[in-house]
Amino acid sequence: MLTLLLYLVGGILTISLGAATFYYLFFSIVAYLLPNRRIIPGELNPSTKFAIIIPAHDEEETISPVLASLTELDYPEALYSLYVIADNCSDDTARLARLGGAEVLERTDDEHRGKGYALSWAIPRVLNADVDAVLVLDADCTPSVGALRVADAAFHGGCHVLQLDNRAANPDDSPASFAVAVGNAIENDLFYAPKARLGLNAFLRGTGMVIHRDVLERHPWNAHSVAEDVEYSVGLISGGEAIRFTNEASVSSPFPVDLDQLRTQRERWAGGNIGLGKRMAFKLVFEGLKKRRLELLDTGATMLLLSRPLALLLALASIVTGWMAALSGGNWFLFDAACIFTLLLLFYLSLGLITVGLSPRRFHLLLGTPAVVLSLVGVAIKGLVKGAPEHWEKTPRR
């Protein structure tokens, strides 16, 4: 009986691992083989009026340089305005934001804390002004100089929700920042970019989100979980809206440089995303199959497979269960299959190193990444068991 149970569980885990691995590899092959579907910012006279919204909770150390960088955008100054949401701030964020030229929206609400609540409160107020679209940025994040021109061209081309490429400003700072930069490159270049080439949706990623006012009026921001970006993305896609990813414009921000920073950030992200996935992913897959809506099927699959540390955990569980089944029943097929799929998964993850690029410094940092990966797997386990954190917690700045 135990042997049969081990083979059953091992079979389910190994099939799941194989499906996940080939899903990842399929998009990585598309990334290398299909040309990029470019957005050409060719409008000589851009017309879209943007509101750049920056949610900020106690960000006095970062808000001034971010606002200064926004004055250098390659876009007519009359066509964009700056808004800072000083959200439950106890420092000098609001004053510094005003000095930096932004209109400050001050919000105090001890019960409803977090970025999702801040956006749902501020966006209707911003839309009362004469704006056509919003660009949401984190308070330590700067966009590429041509970002608004790319977004304007996208709107003229019929795209109403755009996610800009999200890049690490500090990949060489530490093993943690390098490991996260590699994972981020995998998500951008080997997952969302090929999806865009196939006409599939991306998920919004919290910063670098560009949304036309027509979409915000049809689908008001009502995502309040700690994974508010994914929650809102699923609502948009379920409602028939398309979310396009582009790597022709980017936003950059410093990534965590130590494990304390990383755990705080990833426990919020992983717990929130895994919690949403457990609630909604399989429902979306079944609904997509039932209604023959590929976008719903792909959205559900993306929610299930968004966490690469969780995929590594699945690989480990498949190998261990296959090994136990082989010891019990004498058949090593499941163990062999799990090992093959794990090697393919590791090959896929190693493509991120090629994407980011290696140097003597980065090779040295690579030696420290196993501890980072183990920490991220631990965070994934915690998110799987506990789900989303009860309260939003800001990532410590360094």
Protein backbone atom coordinates (compact mmCIF):
# COMPACT_ATOMS: atom_id res chain seq x y z
CA MET A 1 0.00 0.00 0.00
CA LEU A 2 2.83 2.40 0.89
CA THR A 3 4.62 1.60 -2.37
CA LEU A 4 1.48 2.34 -4.40
CA LEU A 5 1.00 5.63 -2.55
CA LEU A 6 4.62 6.64 -3.18
CA TYR A 7 4.29 5.88 -6.89
CA LEU A 8 1.00 7.81 -7.07
CA VAL A 9 2.35 10.89 -5.29
CA GLY A 10 5.66 10.65 -7.13
CA GLY A 11 3.88 10.38 -10.46
CA ILE A 12 1.78 13.48 -9.78
CA LEU A 13 4.83 15.47 -8.66
CA THR A 14 6.99 14.35 -11.58
CA ILE A 15 4.29 15.06 -14.18
CA SER A 16 3.77 18.50 -12.62
CA LEU A 17 7.52 19.15 -12.69
CA GLY A 18 7.74 18.07 -16.33
CA ALA A 19 4.82 20.29 -17.33
CA ALA A 20 6.31 23.29 -15.49
CA THR A 21 9.77 22.75 -16.99
CA PHE A 22 8.50 22.49 -20.55
CA TYR A 23 6.27 25.53 -20.03
CA TYR A 24 9.33 27.54 -19.01
CA LEU A 25 11.50 26.12 -21.81
CA PHE A 26 8.85 26.78 -24.45
CA PHE A 27 8.90 30.51 -23.76
CA SER A 28 12.68 30.61 -23.54
CA ILE A 29 12.85 29.03 -27.02
CA VAL A 30 10.36 31.62 -28.29
CA ALA A 31 12.57 34.34 -26.77
CA TYR A 32 15.54 33.19 -28.84
CA LEU A 33 13.74 32.32 -32.08
CA LEU A 34 10.99 34.89 -32.60
CA PRO A 35 11.77 38.55 -33.35
CA ASN A 36 10.61 41.16 -30.88
CA ARG A 37 7.25 42.80 -31.64
CA ARG A 38 8.54 46.32 -31.29
CA ILE A 39 6.66 49.40 -30.22
CA ILE A 40 8.14 52.18 -32.32
CA PRO A 41 7.87 55.57 -30.56
CA GLY A 42 7.55 57.38 -33.84
CA GLU A 43 5.04 60.05 -32.91
CA LEU A 44 6.77 63.37 -33.59
CA ASN A 45 4.12 65.16 -31.59
CA PRO A 46 3.14 62.96 -28.62
CA SER A 47 -0.28 63.73 -27.26
CA THR A 48 -0.89 61.49 -24.24
CA LYS A 49 -1.05 63.36 -20.93
CA PHE A 50 0.50 61.26 -18.18
CA ALA A 51 0.24 61.42 -14.42
CA ILE A 52 3.25 59.78 -12.78
CA ILE A 53 2.09 58.44 -9.42
CA ILE A 54 4.60 57.49 -6.73
CA PRO A 55 3.24 55.78 -3.60
CA ALA A 56 5.66 56.61 -0.78
CA HIS A 57 5.73 55.48 2.85
CA ASP A 58 8.57 57.16 4.78
CA GLU A 59 10.76 57.63 1.71
CA GLU A 60 12.60 60.84 2.59
CA GLU A 61 15.94 59.26 1.59
CA THR A 62 14.90 58.30 -1.95
CA ILE A 63 12.12 60.62 -3.08
CA SER A 64 14.25 63.65 -4.04
CA PRO A 65 16.62 61.87 -6.49
CA VAL A 66 13.70 59.99 -8.04
CA LEU A 67 11.78 63.23 -8.67
CA ALA A 68 14.94 64.85 -10.04
CA SER A 69 15.37 62.00 -12.51
CA LEU A 70 11.81 62.51 -13.78
CA THR A 71 12.63 66.02 -14.94
CA GLU A 72 15.02 64.48 -17.49
CA LEU A 73 12.39 62.43 -19.33
CA ASP A 74 12.35 62.79 -23.11
CA TYR A 75 8.78 64.00 -23.23
CA PRO A 76 7.13 67.44 -23.35
CA GLU A 77 6.96 68.82 -19.82
CA ALA A 78 3.43 70.10 -20.39
CA LEU A 79 2.23 66.53 -20.99
CA TYR A 80 3.18 64.94 -17.69
CA SER A 81 2.71 65.76 -14.04
CA LEU A 82 4.11 64.28 -10.84
CA TYR A 83 2.08 63.02 -7.89
CA VAL A 84 3.47 61.59 -4.66
CA ILE A 85 1.15 59.72 -2.30
CA ALA A 86 2.60 60.43 1.14
CA ASP A 87 1.01 57.36 2.67
CA ASN A 88 0.99 57.18 6.48
CA CYS A 89 4.31 59.02 6.55
CA SER A 90 6.04 59.99 9.79
CA ASP A 91 9.10 61.58 8.16
CA ASP A 92 9.88 64.41 5.74
CA THR A 93 8.62 62.70 2.56
CA ALA A 94 5.77 65.16 1.87
CA ARG A 95 7.89 68.30 2.25
CA LEU A 96 10.71 66.97 0.10
CA ALA A 97 8.24 65.83 -2.57
CA ARG A 98 6.79 69.34 -2.78
CA LEU A 99 10.28 70.79 -3.06
CA GLY A 100 10.89 68.32 -5.89
CA GLY A 101 7.97 69.69 -7.87
CA ALA A 102 5.35 67.04 -7.16
CA GLU A 103 1.77 67.49 -6.11
CA VAL A 104 1.50 65.67 -2.79
CA LEU A 105 -1.53 63.64 -1.79
CA GLU A 106 -1.28 63.00 1.96
CA ARG A 107 -3.12 59.99 3.30
CA THR A 108 -3.42 58.75 6.89
CA ASP A 109 -5.26 55.50 7.57
CA ASP A 110 -3.87 53.17 10.23
CA GLU A 111 -6.42 50.47 9.46
CA HIS A 112 -5.98 50.24 5.68
CA ARG A 113 -2.25 50.20 5.13
CA GLY A 114 -0.27 49.29 2.03
CA LYS A 115 0.29 50.22 -1.57
CA GLY A 116 -3.00 48.79 -2.85
CA TYR A 117 -5.06 50.98 -0.53
CA ALA A 118 -2.92 54.00 -1.37
CA LEU A 119 -3.49 53.54 -5.10
CA SER A 120 -7.24 52.92 -4.80
CA TRP A 121 -7.50 56.15 -2.75
CA ALA A 122 -5.28 58.29 -4.99
CA ILE A 123 -6.08 57.21 -8.55
CA PRO A 124 -9.66 58.64 -8.62
CA ARG A 125 -8.30 61.95 -7.35
CA VAL A 126 -5.63 62.02 -10.04
CA LEU A 127 -8.13 61.14 -12.77
CA ASN A 128 -10.13 64.23 -11.83
CA ALA A 129 -7.29 66.20 -13.40
CA ASP A 130 -6.84 66.43 -17.16
CA VAL A 131 -4.81 63.21 -17.68
CA ASP A 132 -5.07 60.37 -20.18
CA ALA A 133 -3.02 57.72 -18.39
CA VAL A 134 -1.04 56.98 -15.25
CA LEU A 135 2.46 55.60 -14.77
CA VAL A 136 2.97 54.06 -11.33
CA LEU A 137 6.51 54.05 -9.94
CA ASP A 138 7.99 52.91 -6.65
CA ALA A 139 9.67 55.60 -4.58
CA ASP A 140 13.18 54.26 -5.28
CA CYS A 141 12.61 53.66 -8.98
CA THR A 142 13.61 55.63 -12.08
CA PRO A 143 12.32 55.11 -15.64
CA SER A 144 14.38 55.20 -18.82
CA VAL A 145 14.33 58.62 -20.48
CA GLY A 146 12.15 57.44 -23.37
CA ALA A 147 9.59 55.57 -21.28
CA LEU A 148 6.70 57.97 -21.83
CA ARG A 149 7.33 58.11 -25.60
CA VAL A 150 7.14 54.32 -25.77
CA ALA A 151 3.92 54.33 -23.73
CA ASP A 152 2.44 57.07 -25.94
CA ALA A 153 3.25 55.01 -29.05
CA ALA A 154 1.72 51.93 -27.44
CA PHE A 155 -1.53 53.78 -26.76
CA HIS A 156 -1.65 54.99 -30.37
CA GLY A 157 -1.18 51.36 -31.40
CA GLY A 158 -4.21 50.22 -29.41
CA CYS A 159 -2.51 48.97 -26.23
CA HIS A 160 -4.12 50.35 -23.08
CA VAL A 161 -2.17 48.57 -20.31
CA LEU A 162 1.60 48.35 -20.48
CA GLN A 163 4.19 46.87 -18.16
CA LEU A 164 7.68 48.30 -18.57
CA ASP A 165 10.80 46.18 -18.19
CA ASN A 166 11.95 46.06 -14.57
CA ARG A 167 15.74 46.14 -14.12
CA ALA A 168 18.17 45.91 -11.20
CA ALA A 169 20.19 49.06 -10.63
CA ASN A 170 22.70 47.19 -8.45
CA PRO A 171 23.30 43.61 -9.67
CA ASP A 172 26.97 43.71 -8.61
CA ASP A 173 26.42 44.80 -5.00
CA SER A 174 26.08 41.40 -3.32
CA PRO A 175 25.17 37.73 -3.93
CA ALA A 176 21.57 38.61 -2.99
CA SER A 177 21.24 41.48 -5.48
CA PHE A 178 22.92 39.41 -8.20
CA ALA A 179 20.71 36.36 -7.62
CA VAL A 180 17.56 38.48 -7.68
CA ALA A 181 18.78 40.30 -10.80
CA VAL A 182 19.23 36.94 -12.55
CA GLY A 183 15.75 35.82 -11.51
CA ASN A 184 14.34 39.14 -12.63
CA ALA A 185 16.01 38.82 -16.04
CA ILE A 186 14.53 35.34 -16.42
CA GLU A 187 11.07 36.72 -15.68
CA ASN A 188 11.47 39.66 -18.07
CA ASP A 189 13.47 38.28 -20.99
CA LEU A 190 12.61 34.58 -20.96
CA PHE A 191 9.01 34.70 -19.78
CA TYR A 192 7.12 37.95 -20.29
CA ALA A 193 8.97 39.16 -23.41
CA PRO A 194 8.23 35.95 -25.39
CA LYS A 195 4.66 36.02 -24.12
CA ALA A 196 4.34 39.48 -25.65
CA ARG A 197 5.66 38.16 -28.97
CA LEU A 198 2.91 35.53 -28.94
CA GLY A 199 0.23 38.06 -28.00
CA LEU A 200 -0.15 36.69 -24.46
CA ASN A 201 -0.57 38.73 -21.31
CA ALA A 202 2.00 39.73 -18.72
CA PHE A 203 1.28 40.51 -15.09
CA LEU A 204 1.72 44.02 -13.76
CA ARG A 205 4.74 44.20 -11.48
CA GLY A 206 4.02 47.02 -9.04
CA THR A 207 6.33 49.57 -10.63
CA GLY A 208 6.52 50.61 -14.28
CA MET A 209 2.77 50.04 -14.70
CA VAL A 210 1.19 52.26 -17.38
CA ILE A 211 -2.61 52.24 -17.49
CA HIS A 212 -4.94 54.31 -19.68
CA ARG A 213 -7.72 56.17 -17.90
CA ASP A 214 -10.36 54.33 -19.97
CA VAL A 215 -9.22 51.07 -18.37
CA LEU A 216 -9.14 52.58 -14.89
CA GLU A 217 -12.68 53.88 -15.36
CA ARG A 218 -13.90 50.47 -16.52
CA HIS A 219 -11.90 48.64 -13.86
CA PRO A 220 -11.26 50.90 -10.85
CA TRP A 221 -8.26 49.91 -8.76
CA ASN A 222 -9.72 47.69 -6.04
CA ALA A 223 -6.76 45.38 -5.32
CA HIS A 224 -5.76 45.67 -1.68
CA SER A 225 -3.80 42.49 -0.94
CA VAL A 226 -0.04 42.41 -0.40
CA ALA A 227 0.17 41.16 -4.01
CA GLU A 228 -1.95 44.01 -5.33
CA ASP A 229 -0.27 44.07 -8.75
CA VAL A 230 -1.04 40.42 -9.55
CA GLU A 231 -4.53 40.71 -8.05
CA TYR A 232 -5.35 43.69 -10.27
CA SER A 233 -3.77 41.97 -13.30
CA VAL A 234 -6.01 38.92 -12.91
CA GLY A 235 -9.05 41.19 -12.64
CA LEU A 236 -8.10 43.01 -15.84
CA ILE A 237 -7.44 39.84 -17.84
CA SER A 238 -10.64 38.19 -16.57
CA GLY A 239 -12.48 41.35 -17.63
CA GLY A 240 -11.15 41.11 -21.19
CA GLU A 241 -8.32 43.64 -20.96
CA ALA A 242 -4.87 42.89 -22.39
CA ILE A 243 -1.62 43.62 -20.53
CA ARG A 244 1.38 44.02 -22.78
CA PHE A 245 4.99 43.75 -21.65
CA THR A 246 7.68 45.80 -23.37
CA ASN A 247 11.46 45.86 -22.99
CA GLU A 248 11.79 48.99 -25.13
CA ALA A 249 11.37 51.06 -21.99
CA SER A 250 12.43 50.16 -18.49
CA VAL A 251 12.42 51.13 -14.85
CA SER A 252 15.36 50.47 -12.57
CA SER A 253 15.61 50.23 -8.81
CA PRO A 254 18.07 48.87 -6.24
CA PHE A 255 17.41 45.24 -5.36
CA PRO A 256 17.90 43.77 -1.85
CA VAL A 257 21.56 43.46 -0.88
CA ASP A 258 21.27 41.27 2.23
CA LEU A 259 19.15 38.34 3.32
CA ASP A 260 17.10 40.36 5.84
CA GLN A 261 16.00 42.76 3.12
CA LEU A 262 15.36 39.90 0.75
CA ARG A 263 13.28 37.88 3.19
CA THR A 264 11.10 40.85 4.13
CA GLN A 265 10.40 41.66 0.50
CA ARG A 266 9.95 38.10 -0.73
CA GLU A 267 7.80 36.94 2.17
CA ARG A 268 5.36 39.65 1.16
CA TRP A 269 5.59 38.86 -2.54
CA ALA A 270 5.73 35.07 -2.29
CA GLY A 271 3.09 34.81 0.41
CA GLY A 272 0.76 37.13 -1.47
CA ASN A 273 1.25 35.48 -4.86
CA ILE A 274 1.03 31.93 -3.52
CA GLY A 275 -2.08 32.85 -1.54
CA LEU A 276 -3.72 34.26 -4.66
CA GLY A 277 -2.58 31.24 -6.66
CA LYS A 278 -4.14 28.77 -4.24
CA ARG A 279 -7.39 30.71 -4.43
CA MET A 280 -7.62 31.49 -8.12
CA ALA A 281 -5.13 29.62 -10.34
CA PHE A 282 -6.92 26.31 -10.84
CA LYS A 283 -10.25 28.11 -11.15
CA LEU A 284 -8.81 30.19 -14.01
CA VAL A 285 -7.34 27.11 -15.70
CA PHE A 286 -10.66 25.25 -15.59
CA GLU A 287 -12.59 28.34 -16.67
CA GLY A 288 -10.20 28.85 -19.57
CA LEU A 289 -10.65 25.25 -20.70
CA LYS A 290 -14.42 25.42 -20.29
CA LYS A 291 -14.85 28.71 -22.15
CA ARG A 292 -11.97 28.09 -24.57
CA ARG A 293 -10.29 31.30 -23.50
CA LEU A 294 -6.54 30.89 -23.88
CA GLU A 295 -5.84 34.07 -21.91
CA LEU A 296 -7.54 32.66 -18.80
CA LEU A 297 -5.78 29.30 -19.15
CA ASP A 298 -2.42 31.02 -19.50
CA THR A 299 -3.16 33.36 -16.58
CA GLY A 300 -3.89 30.41 -14.30
CA ALA A 301 -0.73 28.64 -15.44
CA THR A 302 1.31 31.80 -14.88
CA MET A 303 0.00 32.11 -11.32
CA LEU A 304 0.97 28.50 -10.62
CA LEU A 305 4.46 28.87 -12.08
CA LEU A 306 5.40 32.44 -11.24
CA SER A 307 7.62 31.36 -8.33
CA ARG A 308 10.88 29.78 -9.53
CA PRO A 309 11.90 28.86 -5.93
CA LEU A 310 8.62 26.95 -5.69
CA ALA A 311 9.56 25.13 -8.92
CA LEU A 312 12.89 24.16 -7.31
CA LEU A 313 10.98 22.90 -4.28
CA LEU A 314 8.78 20.83 -6.60
CA ALA A 315 11.92 19.38 -8.22
CA LEU A 316 13.35 18.41 -4.84
CA ALA A 317 10.07 16.81 -3.74
CA SER A 318 9.86 14.86 -7.03
CA ILE A 319 13.40 13.51 -6.67
CA VAL A 320 12.95 12.49 -3.02
CA THR A 321 9.56 10.84 -3.63
CA GLY A 322 10.86 9.06 -6.75
CA TRP A 323 13.87 7.79 -4.80
CA MET A 324 11.65 6.52 -1.94
CA ALA A 325 9.32 4.82 -4.44
CA ALA A 326 12.29 3.14 -6.14
CA LEU A 327 13.64 1.84 -2.82
CA SER A 328 10.19 0.51 -1.95
CA GLY A 329 9.17 -0.96 -5.32
CA GLY A 330 12.40 -1.37 -7.26
CA ASN A 331 11.38 0.73 -10.26
CA TRP A 332 13.60 3.78 -10.82
CA PHE A 333 11.58 5.33 -13.66
CA LEU A 334 10.07 8.16 -11.59
CA PHE A 335 13.41 8.99 -9.98
CA ASP A 336 15.16 9.09 -13.37
CA ALA A 337 12.41 11.25 -14.89
CA ALA A 338 12.51 13.65 -11.92
CA CYS A 339 16.30 13.99 -12.26
CA ILE A 340 16.04 14.70 -16.01
CA PHE A 341 13.34 17.35 -15.51
CA THR A 342 15.38 18.92 -12.68
CA LEU A 343 18.46 19.16 -14.91
CA LEU A 344 16.34 20.82 -17.61
CA LEU A 345 14.95 23.24 -15.01
CA LEU A 346 18.47 24.10 -13.85
CA PHE A 347 19.49 24.62 -17.48
CA TYR A 348 16.58 27.02 -17.90
CA LEU A 349 17.57 28.95 -14.78
CA SER A 350 21.18 29.11 -15.98
CA LEU A 351 19.98 30.95 -19.09
CA GLY A 352 19.39 33.87 -16.75
CA LEU A 353 23.15 34.07 -16.19
CA ILE A 354 23.66 34.39 -19.94
CA THR A 355 20.99 37.07 -20.11
CA VAL A 356 22.50 39.14 -17.30
CA GLY A 357 26.09 38.41 -18.30
CA LEU A 358 29.07 37.22 -16.27
CA SER A 359 32.21 39.06 -15.24
CA PRO A 360 34.95 38.23 -12.72
CA ARG A 361 32.99 40.15 -10.09
CA ARG A 362 29.75 38.35 -10.90
CA PHE A 363 31.46 34.96 -10.97
CA HIS A 364 32.64 35.68 -7.42
CA LEU A 365 29.10 36.70 -6.42
CA LEU A 366 27.77 33.52 -8.01
CA LEU A 367 29.62 31.48 -5.39
CA GLY A 368 27.43 33.08 -2.72
CA THR A 369 24.09 32.56 -4.45
CA PRO A 370 23.33 29.01 -3.12
CA ALA A 371 22.62 30.53 0.30
CA VAL A 372 20.34 33.09 -1.36
CA VAL A 373 18.49 30.38 -3.31
CA LEU A 374 18.02 28.30 -0.14
CA SER A 375 16.63 31.37 1.61
CA LEU A 376 14.18 31.95 -1.25
CA VAL A 377 13.09 28.30 -1.17
CA GLY A 378 12.48 28.69 2.56
CA VAL A 379 10.40 31.79 1.88
CA ALA A 380 8.39 29.82 -0.72
CA ILE A 381 7.73 27.05 1.81
CA LYS A 382 6.57 29.61 4.36
CA GLY A 383 4.30 31.23 1.77
CA LEU A 384 2.90 27.83 0.81
CA VAL A 385 2.11 26.94 4.42
CA LYS A 386 1.07 30.31 5.84
CA GLY A 387 -0.11 32.19 2.75
CA ALA A 388 -0.01 35.97 2.59
CA PRO A 389 1.24 38.04 5.54
CA GLU A 390 -1.56 39.64 7.52
CA HIS A 391 0.00 43.10 7.34
CA TRP A 392 1.94 44.98 4.68
CA GLU A 393 5.58 45.49 5.68
CA LYS A 394 7.92 47.85 3.90
CA THR A 395 11.21 46.46 2.60
CA PRO A 396 14.07 47.98 4.64
CA ARG A 397 16.25 50.39 2.67
CA ARG A 398 20.03 50.05 2.66
